[in-house]
C-alpha atoms as a PDB file:
ATOM      1  CA  UNK A   1     -18.110   0.311  26.181  1.00  0.00           C
ATOM      2  CA  UNK A   2     -18.892  -1.224  22.964  1.00  0.00           C
ATOM      3  CA  UNK A   3     -17.032  -1.244  19.651  1.00  0.00           C
ATOM      4  CA  UNK A   4     -19.433   1.563  18.097  1.00  0.00           C
ATOM      5  CA  UNK A   5     -18.649   3.862  21.035  1.00  0.00           C
ATOM      6  CA  UNK A   6     -15.471   5.126  19.669  1.00  0.00           C
ATOM      7  CA  UNK A   7     -14.510   8.933  19.127  1.00  0.00           C
ATOM      8  CA  UNK A   8     -17.232  10.408  16.651  1.00  0.00           C
ATOM      9  CA  UNK A   9     -14.418  11.320  13.909  1.00  0.00           C
ATOM     10  CA  UNK A  10     -12.759   8.005  14.003  1.00  0.00           C
ATOM     11  CA  UNK A  11     -12.507   6.725  10.578  1.00  0.00           C
ATOM     12  CA  UNK A  12     -12.258   2.881   9.676  1.00  0.00           C
ATOM     13  CA  UNK A  13      -9.154   1.829   7.611  1.00  0.00           C
ATOM     14  CA  UNK A  14     -10.258   1.405   4.017  1.00  0.00           C
ATOM     15  CA  UNK A  15     -10.575  -2.308   2.998  1.00  0.00           C
ATOM     16  CA  UNK A  16      -7.313  -3.858   1.073  1.00  0.00           C
ATOM     17  CA  UNK A  17      -8.520  -4.247  -2.590  1.00  0.00           C
ATOM     18  CA  UNK A  18      -7.735  -7.412  -4.649  1.00  0.00           C
ATOM     19  CA  UNK A  19      -4.324  -7.631  -6.384  1.00  0.00           C
ATOM     20  CA  UNK A  20      -4.609  -6.344  -9.894  1.00  0.00           C
ATOM     21  CA  UNK A  21      -7.284  -3.590  -9.132  1.00  0.00           C
ATOM     22  CA  UNK A  22      -6.999  -0.099 -10.788  1.00  0.00           C
ATOM     23  CA  UNK A  23      -6.659   2.627  -8.285  1.00  0.00           C
ATOM     24  CA  UNK A  24      -6.048   6.422  -8.411  1.00  0.00           C
ATOM     25  CA  UNK A  25      -3.341   7.979  -6.011  1.00  0.00           C
ATOM     26  CA  UNK A  26      -4.481  11.459  -5.156  1.00  0.00           C
ATOM     27  CA  UNK A  27      -1.284  12.060  -3.359  1.00  0.00           C
ATOM     28  CA  UNK A  28       0.402  11.654  -6.879  1.00  0.00           C
ATOM     29  CA  UNK A  29      -1.407  14.251  -8.926  1.00  0.00           C
ATOM     30  CA  UNK A  30      -4.149  11.399  -9.538  1.00  0.00           C
ATOM     31  CA  UNK A  31      -1.896   8.802 -10.896  1.00  0.00           C
ATOM     32  CA  UNK A  32      -3.532   5.577 -11.734  1.00  0.00           C
ATOM     33  CA  UNK A  33      -1.920   2.378 -10.736  1.00  0.00           C
ATOM     34  CA  UNK A  34      -2.551  -1.169 -10.263  1.00  0.00           C
ATOM     35  CA  UNK A  35      -2.705  -2.642  -6.658  1.00  0.00           C
ATOM     36  CA  UNK A  36       0.338  -4.954  -5.748  1.00  0.00           C
ATOM     37  CA  UNK A  37      -0.091  -5.420  -1.958  1.00  0.00           C
ATOM     38  CA  UNK A  38       0.611  -3.822   1.460  1.00  0.00           C
ATOM     39  CA  UNK A  39       3.909  -2.546   2.855  1.00  0.00           C
ATOM     40  CA  UNK A  40       3.368  -1.937   6.476  1.00  0.00           C
ATOM     41  CA  UNK A  41       0.661   1.051   6.564  1.00  0.00           C
ATOM     42  CA  UNK A  42       0.960   1.882   2.980  1.00  0.00           C
ATOM     43  CA  UNK A  43      -0.489   0.255  -0.215  1.00  0.00           C
ATOM     44  CA  UNK A  44       2.168  -0.734  -3.088  1.00  0.00           C
ATOM     45  CA  UNK A  45       0.790   0.431  -6.627  1.00  0.00           C
ATOM     46  CA  UNK A  46       2.544  -0.017  -9.752  1.00  0.00           C
ATOM     47  CA  UNK A  47       1.943   2.080 -12.989  1.00  0.00           C
ATOM     48  CA  UNK A  48      -0.628   0.152 -15.459  1.00  0.00           C
ATOM     49  CA  UNK A  49       2.146   0.091 -18.120  1.00  0.00           C
ATOM     50  CA  UNK A  50       4.736  -1.339 -15.895  1.00  0.00           C
ATOM     51  CA  UNK A  51       7.506   0.324 -14.039  1.00  0.00           C
ATOM     52  CA  UNK A  52       8.510   0.984 -10.672  1.00  0.00           C
ATOM     53  CA  UNK A  53       6.044   0.554  -7.836  1.00  0.00           C
ATOM     54  CA  UNK A  54       5.445   3.365  -5.251  1.00  0.00           C
ATOM     55  CA  UNK A  55       3.651   3.472  -1.929  1.00  0.00           C
ATOM     56  CA  UNK A  56       0.413   5.422  -1.291  1.00  0.00           C
ATOM     57  CA  UNK A  57      -1.241   6.148   1.831  1.00  0.00           C
ATOM     58  CA  UNK A  58      -4.564   4.306   1.657  1.00  0.00           C
ATOM     59  CA  UNK A  59      -6.452   7.574   2.681  1.00  0.00           C
ATOM     60  CA  UNK A  60      -5.277   9.150  -0.613  1.00  0.00           C
ATOM     61  CA  UNK A  61      -6.358   6.164  -3.011  1.00  0.00           C
ATOM     62  CA  UNK A  62      -9.899   6.096  -4.523  1.00  0.00           C
ATOM     63  CA  UNK A  63     -11.524   4.114  -7.152  1.00  0.00           C
ATOM     64  CA  UNK A  64     -10.866   5.437 -10.939  1.00  0.00           C
ATOM     65  CA  UNK A  65     -13.813   7.173 -12.776  1.00  0.00           C
ATOM     66  CA  UNK A  66     -14.871   5.309 -15.805  1.00  0.00           C
ATOM     67  CA  UNK A  67     -12.916   7.776 -18.123  1.00  0.00           C
ATOM     68  CA  UNK A  68      -9.781   7.116 -15.884  1.00  0.00           C
ATOM     69  CA  UNK A  69     -10.297   3.284 -16.043  1.00  0.00           C
ATOM     70  CA  UNK A  70     -10.603   3.558 -19.980  1.00  0.00           C
ATOM     71  CA  UNK A  71      -7.453   5.484 -20.332  1.00  0.00           C
ATOM     72  CA  UNK A  72      -5.430   3.115 -18.138  1.00  0.00           C
ATOM     73  CA  UNK A  73      -6.498   0.006 -19.948  1.00  0.00           C
ATOM     74  CA  UNK A  74      -5.968   1.697 -23.282  1.00  0.00           C
ATOM     75  CA  UNK A  75      -2.569   2.564 -22.288  1.00  0.00           C
ATOM     76  CA  UNK A  76      -1.994  -1.103 -20.991  1.00  0.00           C
ATOM     77  CA  UNK A  77      -3.154  -2.375 -24.542  1.00  0.00           C
ATOM     78  CA  UNK A  78      -1.182  -0.159 -26.430  1.00  0.00           C
ATOM     79  CA  UNK A  79       1.925  -1.005 -24.374  1.00  0.00           C
ATOM     80  CA  UNK A  80       1.458  -4.598 -24.716  1.00  0.00           C
ATOM     81  CA  UNK A  81       1.020  -4.618 -28.542  1.00  0.00           C
ATOM     82  CA  UNK A  82       4.295  -2.346 -28.678  1.00  0.00           C
ATOM     83  CA  UNK A  83       6.029  -5.228 -26.633  1.00  0.00           C
ATOM     84  CA  UNK A  84       6.920  -2.673 -23.767  1.00  0.00           C
ATOM     85  CA  UNK A  85       5.047  -5.030 -21.339  1.00  0.00           C
ATOM     86  CA  UNK A  86       4.073  -8.732 -21.288  1.00  0.00           C
END
């Protein structure tokens, strides 16, 4: 039996992104976060303007749309200019 002979509905786990990658957690009402690392089977995400990290299931995470990315990057720039984050 070769590796490709697994169950037909078996999905490969998503590839772990680079630290700092913007992602959307569909399990948290499409909240955009920055990838910080892994915590067991979960991915740690942090709000783009700083704050408490949360754990997301990799199956519930997707890449942001261009509009979501623009909003997140604008929010980060605004927070930085107001001194709320470094």
